[in-house]
Amino acid sequence: MDESLAERLSRYFDKAGLKFSSVKVLEESGRDVWDAARNYFNDAAHFREDGDLVSALAALEYAEGLVDAGRMLGLISAEHTGELE
């Protein structure tokens, strides 16, 4: 059975929440990356509340990508780095 967009989004929010709860800023320049990621995460939640699930998913993926990029650059750390698949 195919997973609905709402179900997938809910699962992604759960996993992203774990990752985001473990973020630590390691370098001062990582603060901007982390702030942008949190803003996208909050936007995603707002879109989801408004029923705009496509925009919510897009914003959530941007947020998760920023955390991953910051981690790869050594600007932030995140313990929960599992795929959101």
PDB file of N, CA and C in Angstrom:
ATOM      1  N   MET A   1       0.842  -1.179   0.000  1.00  0.00           N
ATOM      2  CA  MET A   1       0.000   0.000   0.000  1.00  0.00           C
ATOM      3  C   MET A   1       0.889   1.245   0.000  1.00  0.00           C
ATOM      4  N   ASP A   2       0.525   2.214  -0.802  1.00  0.00           N
ATOM      5  CA  ASP A   2       1.277   3.457  -0.864  1.00  0.00           C
ATOM      6  C   ASP A   2       0.980   4.328   0.354  1.00  0.00           C
ATOM      7  N   GLU A   3       2.035   4.940   0.835  1.00  0.00           N
ATOM      8  CA  GLU A   3       1.915   5.841   1.975  1.00  0.00           C
ATOM      9  C   GLU A   3       1.378   7.187   1.485  1.00  0.00           C
ATOM     10  N   SER A   4       0.410   7.751   2.194  1.00  0.00           N
ATOM     11  CA  SER A   4      -0.118   9.057   1.808  1.00  0.00           C
ATOM     12  C   SER A   4       0.892  10.143   2.141  1.00  0.00           C
ATOM     13  N   LEU A   5       0.741  11.288   1.503  1.00  0.00           N
ATOM     14  CA  LEU A   5       1.631  12.420   1.769  1.00  0.00           C
ATOM     15  C   LEU A   5       1.538  12.839   3.232  1.00  0.00           C
ATOM     16  N   ALA A   6       0.338  12.839   3.790  1.00  0.00           N
ATOM     17  CA  ALA A   6       0.168  13.226   5.195  1.00  0.00           C
ATOM     18  C   ALA A   6       0.903  12.260   6.121  1.00  0.00           C
ATOM     19  N   GLU A   7       0.831  10.958   5.825  1.00  0.00           N
ATOM     20  CA  GLU A   7       1.524   9.967   6.643  1.00  0.00           C
ATOM     21  C   GLU A   7       3.037  10.116   6.523  1.00  0.00           C
ATOM     22  N   ARG A   8       3.496  10.306   5.313  1.00  0.00           N
ATOM     23  CA  ARG A   8       4.935  10.464   5.097  1.00  0.00           C
ATOM     24  C   ARG A   8       5.434  11.721   5.800  1.00  0.00           C
ATOM     25  N   LEU A   9       4.695  12.805   5.675  1.00  0.00           N
ATOM     26  CA  LEU A   9       5.087  14.062   6.303  1.00  0.00           C
ATOM     27  C   LEU A   9       5.152  13.912   7.818  1.00  0.00           C
ATOM     28  N   SER A  10       4.190  13.214   8.380  1.00  0.00           N
ATOM     29  CA  SER A  10       4.183  12.986   9.820  1.00  0.00           C
ATOM     30  C   SER A  10       5.422  12.212  10.247  1.00  0.00           C
ATOM     31  N   ARG A  11       5.768  11.186   9.501  1.00  0.00           N
ATOM     32  CA  ARG A  11       6.963  10.389   9.796  1.00  0.00           C
ATOM     33  C   ARG A  11       8.227  11.228   9.671  1.00  0.00           C
ATOM     34  N   TYR A  12       8.296  12.064   8.636  1.00  0.00           N
ATOM     35  CA  TYR A  12       9.458  12.933   8.436  1.00  0.00           C
ATOM     36  C   TYR A  12       9.596  13.937   9.573  1.00  0.00           C
ATOM     37  N   PHE A  13       8.474  14.495  10.020  1.00  0.00           N
ATOM     38  CA  PHE A  13       8.529  15.439  11.140  1.00  0.00           C
ATOM     39  C   PHE A  13       9.072  14.751  12.395  1.00  0.00           C
ATOM     40  N   ASP A  14       8.631  13.523  12.642  1.00  0.00           N
ATOM     41  CA  ASP A  14       9.115  12.788  13.815  1.00  0.00           C
ATOM     42  C   ASP A  14      10.623  12.588  13.744  1.00  0.00           C
ATOM     43  N   LYS A  15      11.114  12.129  12.609  1.00  0.00           N
ATOM     44  CA  LYS A  15      12.547  11.864  12.461  1.00  0.00           C
ATOM     45  C   LYS A  15      13.366  13.158  12.459  1.00  0.00           C
ATOM     46  N   ALA A  16      12.867  14.188  11.791  1.00  0.00           N
ATOM     47  CA  ALA A  16      13.574  15.472  11.786  1.00  0.00           C
ATOM     48  C   ALA A  16      13.614  16.059  13.193  1.00  0.00           C
ATOM     49  N   GLY A  17      12.542  15.884  13.948  1.00  0.00           N
ATOM     50  CA  GLY A  17      12.517  16.372  15.322  1.00  0.00           C
ATOM     51  C   GLY A  17      13.599  15.747  16.174  1.00  0.00           C
ATOM     52  N   LEU A  18      13.841  14.447  15.988  1.00  0.00           N
ATOM     53  CA  LEU A  18      14.932  13.780  16.706  1.00  0.00           C
ATOM     54  C   LEU A  18      16.275  14.381  16.337  1.00  0.00           C
ATOM     55  N   LYS A  19      16.481  14.577  15.035  1.00  0.00           N
ATOM     56  CA  LYS A  19      17.751  15.148  14.574  1.00  0.00           C
ATOM     57  C   LYS A  19      17.915  16.558  15.124  1.00  0.00           C
ATOM     58  N   PHE A  20      16.875  17.359  15.009  1.00  0.00           N
ATOM     59  CA  PHE A  20      16.965  18.754  15.434  1.00  0.00           C
ATOM     60  C   PHE A  20      17.172  18.870  16.936  1.00  0.00           C
ATOM     61  N   SER A  21      16.627  17.941  17.710  1.00  0.00           N
ATOM     62  CA  SER A  21      16.787  18.020  19.167  1.00  0.00           C
ATOM     63  C   SER A  21      18.218  17.739  19.596  1.00  0.00           C
ATOM     64  N   SER A  22      19.008  17.147  18.711  1.00  0.00           N
ATOM     65  CA  SER A  22      20.391  16.814  19.067  1.00  0.00           C
ATOM     66  C   SER A  22      21.420  17.791  18.493  1.00  0.00           C
ATOM     67  N   VAL A  23      20.972  18.842  17.813  1.00  0.00           N
ATOM     68  CA  VAL A  23      21.901  19.775  17.170  1.00  0.00           C
ATOM     69  C   VAL A  23      22.640  20.611  18.212  1.00  0.00           C
ATOM     70  N   LYS A  24      23.939  20.754  17.970  1.00  0.00           N
ATOM     71  CA  LYS A  24      24.790  21.652  18.760  1.00  0.00           C
ATOM     72  C   LYS A  24      25.609  22.483  17.780  1.00  0.00           C
ATOM     73  N   VAL A  25      25.674  23.770  18.025  1.00  0.00           N
ATOM     74  CA  VAL A  25      26.472  24.671  17.184  1.00  0.00           C
ATOM     75  C   VAL A  25      27.922  24.561  17.631  1.00  0.00           C
ATOM     76  N   LEU A  26      28.811  24.256  16.686  1.00  0.00           N
ATOM     77  CA  LEU A  26      30.228  24.070  16.992  1.00  0.00           C
ATOM     78  C   LEU A  26      31.074  25.285  16.650  1.00  0.00           C
ATOM     79  N   GLU A  27      30.676  26.026  15.642  1.00  0.00           N
ATOM     80  CA  GLU A  27      31.396  27.212  15.180  1.00  0.00           C
ATOM     81  C   GLU A  27      30.417  28.374  15.129  1.00  0.00           C
ATOM     82  N   GLU A  28      30.892  29.580  15.350  1.00  0.00           N
ATOM     83  CA  GLU A  28      30.001  30.749  15.335  1.00  0.00           C
ATOM     84  C   GLU A  28      29.225  30.859  14.030  1.00  0.00           C
ATOM     85  N   SER A  29      29.879  30.575  12.913  1.00  0.00           N
ATOM     86  CA  SER A  29      29.180  30.658  11.624  1.00  0.00           C
ATOM     87  C   SER A  29      28.098  29.589  11.484  1.00  0.00           C
ATOM     88  N   GLY A  30      28.157  28.576  12.317  1.00  0.00           N
ATOM     89  CA  GLY A  30      27.111  27.557  12.312  1.00  0.00           C
ATOM     90  C   GLY A  30      25.798  28.068  12.866  1.00  0.00           C
ATOM     91  N   ARG A  31      25.852  29.162  13.624  1.00  0.00           N
ATOM     92  CA  ARG A  31      24.629  29.739  14.183  1.00  0.00           C
ATOM     93  C   ARG A  31      23.664  30.150  13.064  1.00  0.00           C
ATOM     94  N   ASP A  32      24.189  30.766  11.995  1.00  0.00           N
ATOM     95  CA  ASP A  32      23.328  31.174  10.874  1.00  0.00           C
ATOM     96  C   ASP A  32      22.700  29.968  10.183  1.00  0.00           C
ATOM     97  N   VAL A  33      23.481  28.909  10.023  1.00  0.00           N
ATOM     98  CA  VAL A  33      22.959  27.691   9.399  1.00  0.00           C
ATOM     99  C   VAL A  33      21.850  27.104  10.272  1.00  0.00           C
ATOM    100  N   TRP A  34      22.094  27.023  11.544  1.00  0.00           N
ATOM    101  CA  TRP A  34      21.119  26.462  12.474  1.00  0.00           C
ATOM    102  C   TRP A  34      19.856  27.325  12.540  1.00  0.00           C
ATOM    103  N   ASP A  35      20.018  28.647  12.581  1.00  0.00           N
ATOM    104  CA  ASP A  35      18.860  29.543  12.596  1.00  0.00           C
ATOM    105  C   ASP A  35      18.008  29.368  11.338  1.00  0.00           C
ATOM    106  N   ALA A  36      18.667  29.269  10.176  1.00  0.00           N
ATOM    107  CA  ALA A  36      17.926  29.075   8.923  1.00  0.00           C
ATOM    108  C   ALA A  36      17.195  27.737   8.929  1.00  0.00           C
ATOM    109  N   ALA A  37      17.853  26.692   9.419  1.00  0.00           N
ATOM    110  CA  ALA A  37      17.218  25.369   9.472  1.00  0.00           C
ATOM    111  C   ALA A  37      15.990  25.393  10.378  1.00  0.00           C
ATOM    112  N   ARG A  38      16.103  26.027  11.533  1.00  0.00           N
ATOM    113  CA  ARG A  38      14.947  26.113  12.437  1.00  0.00           C
ATOM    114  C   ARG A  38      13.821  26.925  11.811  1.00  0.00           C
ATOM    115  N   ASN A  39      14.167  27.995  11.099  1.00  0.00           N
ATOM    116  CA  ASN A  39      13.131  28.786  10.432  1.00  0.00           C
ATOM    117  C   ASN A  39      12.378  27.962   9.401  1.00  0.00           C
ATOM    118  N   TYR A  40      13.123  27.178   8.602  1.00  0.00           N
ATOM    119  CA  TYR A  40      12.464  26.306   7.623  1.00  0.00           C
ATOM    120  C   TYR A  40      11.611  25.249   8.324  1.00  0.00           C
ATOM    121  N   PHE A  41      12.094  24.700   9.434  1.00  0.00           N
ATOM    122  CA  PHE A  41      11.323  23.712  10.184  1.00  0.00           C
ATOM    123  C   PHE A  41      10.019  24.330  10.692  1.00  0.00           C
ATOM    124  N   ASN A  42      10.105  25.545  11.230  1.00  0.00           N
ATOM    125  CA  ASN A  42       8.904  26.233  11.711  1.00  0.00           C
ATOM    126  C   ASN A  42       7.953  26.570  10.563  1.00  0.00           C
ATOM    127  N   ASP A  43       8.514  26.970   9.422  1.00  0.00           N
ATOM    128  CA  ASP A  43       7.675  27.209   8.242  1.00  0.00           C
ATOM    129  C   ASP A  43       6.952  25.933   7.831  1.00  0.00           C
ATOM    130  N   ALA A  44       7.668  24.814   7.867  1.00  0.00           N
ATOM    131  CA  ALA A  44       7.069  23.534   7.501  1.00  0.00           C
ATOM    132  C   ALA A  44       5.885  23.216   8.408  1.00  0.00           C
ATOM    133  N   ALA A  45       6.050  23.453   9.700  1.00  0.00           N
ATOM    134  CA  ALA A  45       4.956  23.206  10.644  1.00  0.00           C
ATOM    135  C   ALA A  45       3.763  24.106  10.337  1.00  0.00           C
ATOM    136  N   HIS A  46       4.037  25.352  10.005  1.00  0.00           N
ATOM    137  CA  HIS A  46       2.963  26.290   9.664  1.00  0.00           C
ATOM    138  C   HIS A  46       2.229  25.839   8.399  1.00  0.00           C
ATOM    139  N   PHE A  47       2.975  25.463   7.369  1.00  0.00           N
ATOM    140  CA  PHE A  47       2.351  24.972   6.137  1.00  0.00           C
ATOM    141  C   PHE A  47       1.490  23.746   6.411  1.00  0.00           C
ATOM    142  N   ARG A  48       1.997  22.851   7.244  1.00  0.00           N
ATOM    143  CA  ARG A  48       1.243  21.633   7.567  1.00  0.00           C
ATOM    144  C   ARG A  48      -0.058  21.976   8.276  1.00  0.00           C
ATOM    145  N   GLU A  49       0.003  22.904   9.222  1.00  0.00           N
ATOM    146  CA  GLU A  49      -1.211  23.332   9.924  1.00  0.00           C
ATOM    147  C   GLU A  49      -2.236  23.932   8.969  1.00  0.00           C
ATOM    148  N   ASP A  50      -1.746  24.623   7.930  1.00  0.00           N
ATOM    149  CA  ASP A  50      -2.632  25.235   6.939  1.00  0.00           C
ATOM    150  C   ASP A  50      -3.104  24.252   5.879  1.00  0.00           C
ATOM    151  N   GLY A  51      -2.620  23.008   5.942  1.00  0.00           N
ATOM    152  CA  GLY A  51      -3.030  21.999   4.982  1.00  0.00           C
ATOM    153  C   GLY A  51      -2.252  21.997   3.687  1.00  0.00           C
ATOM    154  N   ASP A  52      -1.192  22.789   3.608  1.00  0.00           N
ATOM    155  CA  ASP A  52      -0.335  22.848   2.412  1.00  0.00           C
ATOM    156  C   ASP A  52       0.799  21.842   2.593  1.00  0.00           C
ATOM    157  N   LEU A  53       0.484  20.576   2.350  1.00  0.00           N
ATOM    158  CA  LEU A  53       1.427  19.501   2.654  1.00  0.00           C
ATOM    159  C   LEU A  53       2.632  19.476   1.729  1.00  0.00           C
ATOM    160  N   VAL A  54       2.445  19.881   0.482  1.00  0.00           N
ATOM    161  CA  VAL A  54       3.577  19.904  -0.451  1.00  0.00           C
ATOM    162  C   VAL A  54       4.603  20.937  -0.004  1.00  0.00           C
ATOM    163  N   SER A  55       4.145  22.140   0.330  1.00  0.00           N
ATOM    164  CA  SER A  55       5.074  23.173   0.812  1.00  0.00           C
ATOM    165  C   SER A  55       5.694  22.773   2.142  1.00  0.00           C
ATOM    166  N   ALA A  56       4.918  22.097   2.994  1.00  0.00           N
ATOM    167  CA  ALA A  56       5.454  21.631   4.273  1.00  0.00           C
ATOM    168  C   ALA A  56       6.595  20.650   4.044  1.00  0.00           C
ATOM    169  N   LEU A  57       6.408  19.719   3.129  1.00  0.00           N
ATOM    170  CA  LEU A  57       7.455  18.742   2.840  1.00  0.00           C
ATOM    171  C   LEU A  57       8.691  19.418   2.263  1.00  0.00           C
ATOM    172  N   ALA A  58       8.479  20.362   1.354  1.00  0.00           N
ATOM    173  CA  ALA A  58       9.617  21.073   0.756  1.00  0.00           C
ATOM    174  C   ALA A  58      10.400  21.841   1.823  1.00  0.00           C
ATOM    175  N   ALA A  59       9.715  22.558   2.694  1.00  0.00           N
ATOM    176  CA  ALA A  59      10.392  23.328   3.747  1.00  0.00           C
ATOM    177  C   ALA A  59      11.115  22.403   4.716  1.00  0.00           C
ATOM    178  N   LEU A  60      10.500  21.271   5.037  1.00  0.00           N
ATOM    179  CA  LEU A  60      11.134  20.322   5.943  1.00  0.00           C
ATOM    180  C   LEU A  60      12.406  19.743   5.333  1.00  0.00           C
ATOM    181  N   GLU A  61      12.376  19.466   4.046  1.00  0.00           N
ATOM    182  CA  GLU A  61      13.569  18.941   3.367  1.00  0.00           C
ATOM    183  C   GLU A  61      14.681  19.991   3.309  1.00  0.00           C
ATOM    184  N   TYR A  62      14.327  21.262   3.095  1.00  0.00           N
ATOM    185  CA  TYR A  62      15.341  22.322   3.150  1.00  0.00           C
ATOM    186  C   TYR A  62      15.973  22.368   4.537  1.00  0.00           C
ATOM    187  N   ALA A  63      15.135  22.305   5.569  1.00  0.00           N
ATOM    188  CA  ALA A  63      15.639  22.361   6.942  1.00  0.00           C
ATOM    189  C   ALA A  63      16.605  21.215   7.214  1.00  0.00           C
ATOM    190  N   GLU A  64      16.207  20.018   6.826  1.00  0.00           N
ATOM    191  CA  GLU A  64      17.042  18.851   7.058  1.00  0.00           C
ATOM    192  C   GLU A  64      18.337  18.933   6.253  1.00  0.00           C
ATOM    193  N   GLY A  65      18.257  19.441   5.043  1.00  0.00           N
ATOM    194  CA  GLY A  65      19.450  19.610   4.211  1.00  0.00           C
ATOM    195  C   GLY A  65      20.425  20.612   4.793  1.00  0.00           C
ATOM    196  N   LEU A  66      19.910  21.683   5.372  1.00  0.00           N
ATOM    197  CA  LEU A  66      20.792  22.665   6.012  1.00  0.00           C
ATOM    198  C   LEU A  66      21.517  22.060   7.204  1.00  0.00           C
ATOM    199  N   VAL A  67      20.813  21.267   7.994  1.00  0.00           N
ATOM    200  CA  VAL A  67      21.464  20.604   9.127  1.00  0.00           C
ATOM    201  C   VAL A  67      22.561  19.669   8.621  1.00  0.00           C
ATOM    202  N   ASP A  68      22.255  18.898   7.594  1.00  0.00           N
ATOM    203  CA  ASP A  68      23.263  17.989   7.043  1.00  0.00           C
ATOM    204  C   ASP A  68      24.471  18.750   6.492  1.00  0.00           C
ATOM    205  N   ALA A  69      24.226  19.843   5.780  1.00  0.00           N
ATOM    206  CA  ALA A  69      25.328  20.633   5.225  1.00  0.00           C
ATOM    207  C   ALA A  69      26.176  21.228   6.344  1.00  0.00           C
ATOM    208  N   GLY A  70      25.529  21.773   7.355  1.00  0.00           N
ATOM    209  CA  GLY A  70      26.267  22.324   8.494  1.00  0.00           C
ATOM    210  C   GLY A  70      27.093  21.272   9.197  1.00  0.00           C
ATOM    211  N   ARG A  71      26.536  20.073   9.309  1.00  0.00           N
ATOM    212  CA  ARG A  71      27.268  18.970   9.931  1.00  0.00           C
ATOM    213  C   ARG A  71      28.475  18.569   9.082  1.00  0.00           C
ATOM    214  N   MET A  72      28.287  18.478   7.775  1.00  0.00           N
ATOM    215  CA  MET A  72      29.386  18.096   6.880  1.00  0.00           C
ATOM    216  C   MET A  72      30.512  19.120   6.878  1.00  0.00           C
ATOM    217  N   LEU A  73      30.159  20.382   7.083  1.00  0.00           N
ATOM    218  CA  LEU A  73      31.158  21.448   7.114  1.00  0.00           C
ATOM    219  C   LEU A  73      31.783  21.637   8.502  1.00  0.00           C
ATOM    220  N   GLY A  74      31.333  20.866   9.475  1.00  0.00           N
ATOM    221  CA  GLY A  74      31.872  20.960  10.824  1.00  0.00           C
ATOM    222  C   GLY A  74      31.388  22.167  11.595  1.00  0.00           C
ATOM    223  N   LEU A  75      30.276  22.755  11.167  1.00  0.00           N
ATOM    224  CA  LEU A  75      29.740  23.943  11.827  1.00  0.00           C
ATOM    225  C   LEU A  75      28.780  23.596  12.953  1.00  0.00           C
ATOM    226  N   ILE A  76      28.099  22.470  12.806  1.00  0.00           N
ATOM    227  CA  ILE A  76      27.161  21.989  13.812  1.00  0.00           C
ATOM    228  C   ILE A  76      27.311  20.476  13.926  1.00  0.00           C
ATOM    229  N   SER A  77      26.795  19.932  15.007  1.00  0.00           N
ATOM    230  CA  SER A  77      26.739  18.479  15.147  1.00  0.00           C
ATOM    231  C   SER A  77      25.282  18.076  15.308  1.00  0.00           C
ATOM    232  N   ALA A  78      24.983  16.860  14.921  1.00  0.00           N
ATOM    233  CA  ALA A  78      23.644  16.290  15.097  1.00  0.00           C
ATOM    234  C   ALA A  78      23.818  14.795  15.282  1.00  0.00           C
ATOM    235  N   GLU A  79      23.368  14.285  16.415  1.00  0.00           N
ATOM    236  CA  GLU A  79      23.556  12.868  16.715  1.00  0.00           C
ATOM    237  C   GLU A  79      22.676  11.972  15.869  1.00  0.00           C
ATOM    238  N   HIS A  80      21.450  12.341  15.675  1.00  0.00           N
ATOM    239  CA  HIS A  80      20.495  11.524  14.926  1.00  0.00           C
ATOM    240  C   HIS A  80      20.561  11.934  13.458  1.00  0.00           C
ATOM    241  N   THR A  81      21.347  11.219  12.676  1.00  0.00           N
ATOM    242  CA  THR A  81      21.567  11.618  11.293  1.00  0.00           C
ATOM    243  C   THR A  81      20.977  10.625  10.297  1.00  0.00           C
ATOM    244  N   GLY A  82      20.019   9.795  10.742  1.00  0.00           N
ATOM    245  CA  GLY A  82      19.410   8.801   9.865  1.00  0.00           C
ATOM    246  C   GLY A  82      18.658   9.426   8.706  1.00  0.00           C
ATOM    247  N   GLU A  83      18.557   8.668   7.650  1.00  0.00           N
ATOM    248  CA  GLU A  83      17.816   9.115   6.468  1.00  0.00           C
ATOM    249  C   GLU A  83      16.358   9.321   6.825  1.00  0.00           C
ATOM    250  N   LEU A  84      15.703  10.218   6.146  1.00  0.00           N
ATOM    251  CA  LEU A  84      14.289  10.482   6.364  1.00  0.00           C
ATOM    252  C   LEU A  84      13.409   9.676   5.417  1.00  0.00           C
ATOM    253  N   GLU A  85      13.870   8.564   4.960  1.00  0.00           N
ATOM    254  CA  GLU A  85      13.109   7.735   4.005  1.00  0.00           C
ATOM    255  C   GLU A  85      12.160   6.832   4.724  1.00  0.00           C
TER     256      GLU A  85
END
